[in-house]
Structure formats: C-alpha cells, structure tokens
Protein backbone atom coordinates (compact mmCIF):
# COMPACT_ATOMS: atom_id res chain seq x y z
CA UNK A 1 0.03 -0.03 -0.05
CA UNK A 2 1.21 3.38 -0.94
CA UNK A 3 -0.09 6.38 0.97
CA UNK A 4 0.79 9.82 -0.41
CA UNK A 5 0.45 13.06 1.51
CA UNK A 6 1.31 16.64 0.73
CA UNK A 7 2.99 18.89 3.29
CA UNK A 8 1.04 22.05 2.04
CA UNK A 9 -2.45 20.35 1.84
CA UNK A 10 -5.02 22.79 3.34
CA UNK A 11 -7.81 20.21 3.37
CA UNK A 12 -6.10 17.27 5.07
CA UNK A 13 -3.14 17.67 7.32
CA UNK A 14 -0.14 15.52 6.38
CA UNK A 15 -0.07 14.15 9.96
CA UNK A 16 -3.28 12.39 9.26
CA UNK A 17 -1.70 10.27 6.59
CA UNK A 18 1.26 9.61 8.82
CA UNK A 19 -1.00 8.53 11.70
CA UNK A 20 -2.83 6.20 9.27
CA UNK A 21 0.37 4.67 7.98
CA UNK A 22 1.68 4.11 11.56
CA UNK A 23 -1.63 2.42 12.53
CA UNK A 24 -1.62 0.27 9.39
CA UNK A 25 1.97 -0.79 10.08
CA UNK A 26 1.08 -1.62 13.67
CA UNK A 27 -1.87 -3.84 12.65
CA UNK A 28 -0.55 -5.50 9.55
CA UNK A 29 0.06 -9.14 9.66
CA UNK A 30 1.47 -9.91 6.18
CA UNK A 31 4.79 -8.94 4.42
CA UNK A 32 3.25 -6.48 1.98
CA UNK A 33 4.78 -3.10 2.33
CA UNK A 34 2.95 0.02 3.75
CA UNK A 35 4.91 2.98 2.37
CA UNK A 36 4.47 6.70 3.03
CA UNK A 37 5.42 9.32 0.39
CA UNK A 38 5.42 12.96 1.45
CA UNK A 39 5.50 15.64 -1.19
CA UNK A 40 7.01 18.77 0.24
CA UNK A 41 5.66 21.11 -2.26
CA UNK A 42 2.29 19.90 -3.37
CA UNK A 43 -1.19 20.90 -2.15
CA UNK A 44 -4.48 19.07 -1.87
CA UNK A 45 -4.82 18.20 -5.49
CA UNK A 46 -1.20 16.95 -5.72
CA UNK A 47 1.65 18.52 -7.50
CA UNK A 48 0.96 21.51 -9.81
CA UNK A 49 2.73 22.04 -13.06
CA UNK A 50 2.73 19.64 -15.88
CA UNK A 51 6.14 17.98 -15.16
CA UNK A 52 5.60 17.69 -11.42
CA UNK A 53 2.20 16.00 -11.97
CA UNK A 54 3.69 13.66 -14.54
CA UNK A 55 6.51 12.68 -12.13
CA UNK A 56 3.80 12.08 -9.34
CA UNK A 57 1.89 9.90 -11.70
CA UNK A 58 5.03 7.92 -12.82
CA UNK A 59 5.92 7.42 -9.06
CA UNK A 60 2.52 5.86 -8.38
CA UNK A 61 2.55 3.72 -11.49
CA UNK A 62 6.07 2.53 -10.75
CA UNK A 63 4.81 1.31 -7.34
CA UNK A 64 1.90 -0.40 -8.92
CA UNK A 65 4.27 -2.27 -11.47
CA UNK A 66 6.71 -3.08 -8.54
CA UNK A 67 3.86 -4.75 -6.69
CA UNK A 68 2.75 -6.78 -9.72
CA UNK A 69 6.29 -8.06 -10.11
CA UNK A 70 7.01 -6.20 -13.32
CA UNK A 71 10.35 -4.73 -13.72
CA UNK A 72 12.52 -3.25 -16.57
C-alpha cells in the first residue's frame, strides 16, 4: 500500500496520513509493504505544473508495477 500526503495540503493535514500509516503498520500481519510518500511542495490536488504532476503519476505507477512483479 502506498499512502501519499502533501505537506501544504489545506484540506487534510499531512499528519493524518502519517498517523494512518503508523496504525496500518502496527496492525498489519502480512509481508506487503506500507509506504508513505510525502510531497514537500504539493497541495491538496497533488503536484502542480505539468512535469511535477507527471512525475507524481509515474511514481504511483512505478509502485503499482513493482507490486505486480513487473520490472525493466
């Protein structure tokens, strides 16, 4: 599971995502990862700007491919 939070989110504080990840890690029983990604410059809607938004999407998709066992 990949949880992404933004430091400058005015709708949901970044601490909410970090608390959620901590609780998930505490309760999880399997070996699947629970990862937290913090974007230091993004707001509630994610990164702004074309290239930042594409980089954020690529990061999420790379995580999905990794979890499916697809590499290179």
